[in-house]
Amino acid sequence: MGCRLTGRHAKVTDELRDLVARRMAPLERLLGGTVVSADMVLSSERNHYQTEFVVHARGDHRLHGVGDGNSWQIAVGAAVDKVMHQAQTLKGKWQARRRHSDSVPGEGSDLAAAPDETTHGD
């Protein structure tokens, strides 16, 4: 998954690119090929760093996280963690929908399969 990095009042260095790539690896494993695009905006002002991370996933889903802190590691980590939490929720919904669509309503129901025991006239 490629991520477009944009720096506002900050220079995007190779170390920063490596940091973002390392932090995004678990997200890439979780979502796999469902990611359409990913954008990260990095901004800094007087020892305060802010990161805005947006991931577009299949099905017109937009995952968004903002992180800030006194270092790039903290800011990037916070933003990716927020998006990771949203991605886990989204993947859970996708899996639940897939599980429910496999079962056919009415089949396997205990009421439909059990014979009516009240009609045995004792």
Protein backbone atom coordinates (compact mmCIF):
# COMPACT_ATOMS: atom_id res chain seq x y z
CA MET A 1 0.00 0.00 0.00
CA GLY A 2 1.51 3.28 -1.03
CA CYS A 3 0.96 6.38 1.02
CA ARG A 4 1.23 9.90 -0.32
CA LEU A 5 3.06 12.08 2.22
CA THR A 6 2.64 15.84 2.30
CA GLY A 7 4.64 18.14 4.53
CA ARG A 8 3.28 21.45 5.78
CA HIS A 9 6.04 23.51 7.35
CA ALA A 10 7.97 20.24 7.58
CA LYS A 11 10.44 18.49 5.33
CA VAL A 12 9.55 14.89 4.50
CA THR A 13 12.84 13.04 4.99
CA ASP A 14 13.72 9.42 4.26
CA GLU A 15 13.67 8.65 7.99
CA LEU A 16 10.13 10.01 8.21
CA ARG A 17 9.07 7.93 5.20
CA ASP A 18 10.55 4.82 6.86
CA LEU A 19 8.72 5.61 10.11
CA VAL A 20 5.40 5.92 8.29
CA ALA A 21 6.03 2.69 6.34
CA ARG A 22 6.85 0.77 9.54
CA ARG A 23 3.78 2.07 11.35
CA MET A 24 1.49 1.29 8.39
CA ALA A 25 2.64 -2.33 7.97
CA PRO A 26 0.05 -3.81 10.42
CA LEU A 27 -2.70 -1.77 8.76
CA GLU A 28 -1.65 -3.09 5.37
CA ARG A 29 -1.77 -6.67 6.68
CA LEU A 30 -5.22 -6.09 8.18
CA LEU A 31 -6.89 -4.50 5.16
CA GLY A 32 -4.88 -6.16 2.40
CA GLY A 33 -6.00 -5.26 -1.09
CA THR A 34 -9.08 -3.34 0.02
CA VAL A 35 -7.19 -0.05 0.31
CA VAL A 36 -7.81 2.33 -2.57
CA SER A 37 -5.51 5.15 -1.43
CA ALA A 38 -3.78 6.52 1.65
CA ASP A 39 -2.72 10.11 2.35
CA MET A 40 -0.80 11.52 5.29
CA VAL A 41 -0.30 15.23 5.99
CA LEU A 42 2.57 16.08 8.33
CA SER A 43 2.78 19.52 9.91
CA SER A 44 4.99 21.03 12.57
CA GLU A 45 5.09 24.23 14.57
CA ARG A 46 7.65 24.97 17.30
CA ASN A 47 8.28 21.43 18.60
CA HIS A 48 4.63 20.43 18.15
CA TYR A 49 3.97 17.84 15.47
CA GLN A 50 0.60 16.97 13.97
CA THR A 51 -0.30 14.17 11.59
CA GLU A 52 -3.53 13.70 9.67
CA PHE A 53 -4.00 10.26 8.12
CA VAL A 54 -6.78 9.35 5.67
CA VAL A 55 -7.31 5.91 4.16
CA HIS A 56 -9.89 5.24 1.45
CA ALA A 57 -11.04 1.61 1.48
CA ARG A 58 -13.30 -0.33 -0.84
CA GLY A 59 -16.98 0.37 -0.62
CA ASP A 60 -16.55 4.12 -0.31
CA HIS A 61 -15.23 3.89 3.27
CA ARG A 62 -13.01 6.68 4.59
CA LEU A 63 -10.91 6.07 7.68
CA HIS A 64 -9.51 9.21 9.31
CA GLY A 65 -7.15 9.77 12.22
CA VAL A 66 -5.37 12.81 13.65
CA GLY A 67 -2.43 12.53 15.99
CA ASP A 68 -0.26 15.12 17.64
CA GLY A 69 2.65 15.12 20.02
CA ASN A 70 6.11 16.42 20.74
CA SER A 71 7.82 14.02 18.29
CA TRP A 72 7.07 12.52 14.91
CA GLN A 73 6.94 9.00 16.40
CA ILE A 74 4.16 9.97 18.80
CA ALA A 75 2.16 11.95 16.22
CA VAL A 76 2.38 9.32 13.48
CA GLY A 77 1.69 6.51 15.95
CA ALA A 78 -1.42 8.16 17.33
CA ALA A 79 -2.90 8.81 13.88
CA VAL A 80 -2.17 5.29 12.63
CA ASP A 81 -3.57 3.75 15.83
CA LYS A 82 -6.85 5.62 15.38
CA VAL A 83 -7.14 4.47 11.77
CA MET A 84 -6.17 0.92 12.81
CA HIS A 85 -9.04 0.83 15.32
CA GLN A 86 -11.49 2.00 12.63
CA ALA A 87 -10.10 -0.61 10.21
CA GLN A 88 -10.61 -3.42 12.74
CA THR A 89 -14.22 -2.34 13.23
CA LEU A 90 -14.79 -2.15 9.48
CA LYS A 91 -13.24 -5.55 8.83
CA GLY A 92 -15.40 -7.04 11.59
CA LYS A 93 -18.49 -5.68 9.87
CA TRP A 94 -17.37 -7.13 6.54
CA GLN A 95 -16.77 -10.53 8.11
CA ALA A 96 -20.09 -10.50 9.97
CA ARG A 97 -21.94 -9.67 6.77
CA ARG A 98 -20.19 -12.51 4.98
CA ARG A 99 -21.03 -14.97 7.79
CA HIS A 100 -24.69 -13.98 7.85
CA SER A 101 -25.10 -14.14 4.09
CA ASP A 102 -23.92 -17.80 4.02
CA SER A 103 -26.85 -19.01 6.13
CA VAL A 104 -30.28 -19.31 4.58
CA PRO A 105 -33.15 -18.01 6.72
CA GLY A 106 -35.49 -20.73 7.95
CA GLU A 107 -33.10 -23.64 7.49
CA GLY A 108 -31.67 -25.24 10.59
CA SER A 109 -34.29 -23.66 12.80
CA ASP A 110 -35.21 -25.78 15.83
CA LEU A 111 -38.89 -24.88 15.52
CA ALA A 112 -39.19 -25.93 11.90
CA ALA A 113 -37.30 -29.23 12.33
CA ALA A 114 -38.88 -30.42 15.60
CA PRO A 115 -42.13 -32.37 15.35
CA ASP A 116 -45.09 -30.94 17.18
CA GLU A 117 -45.36 -32.97 20.40
CA THR A 118 -48.63 -31.42 21.60
CA THR A 119 -50.79 -33.25 19.03
CA HIS A 120 -50.29 -36.73 20.44
CA GLY A 121 -53.70 -36.99 22.14
CA ASP A 122 -52.95 -38.76 25.43
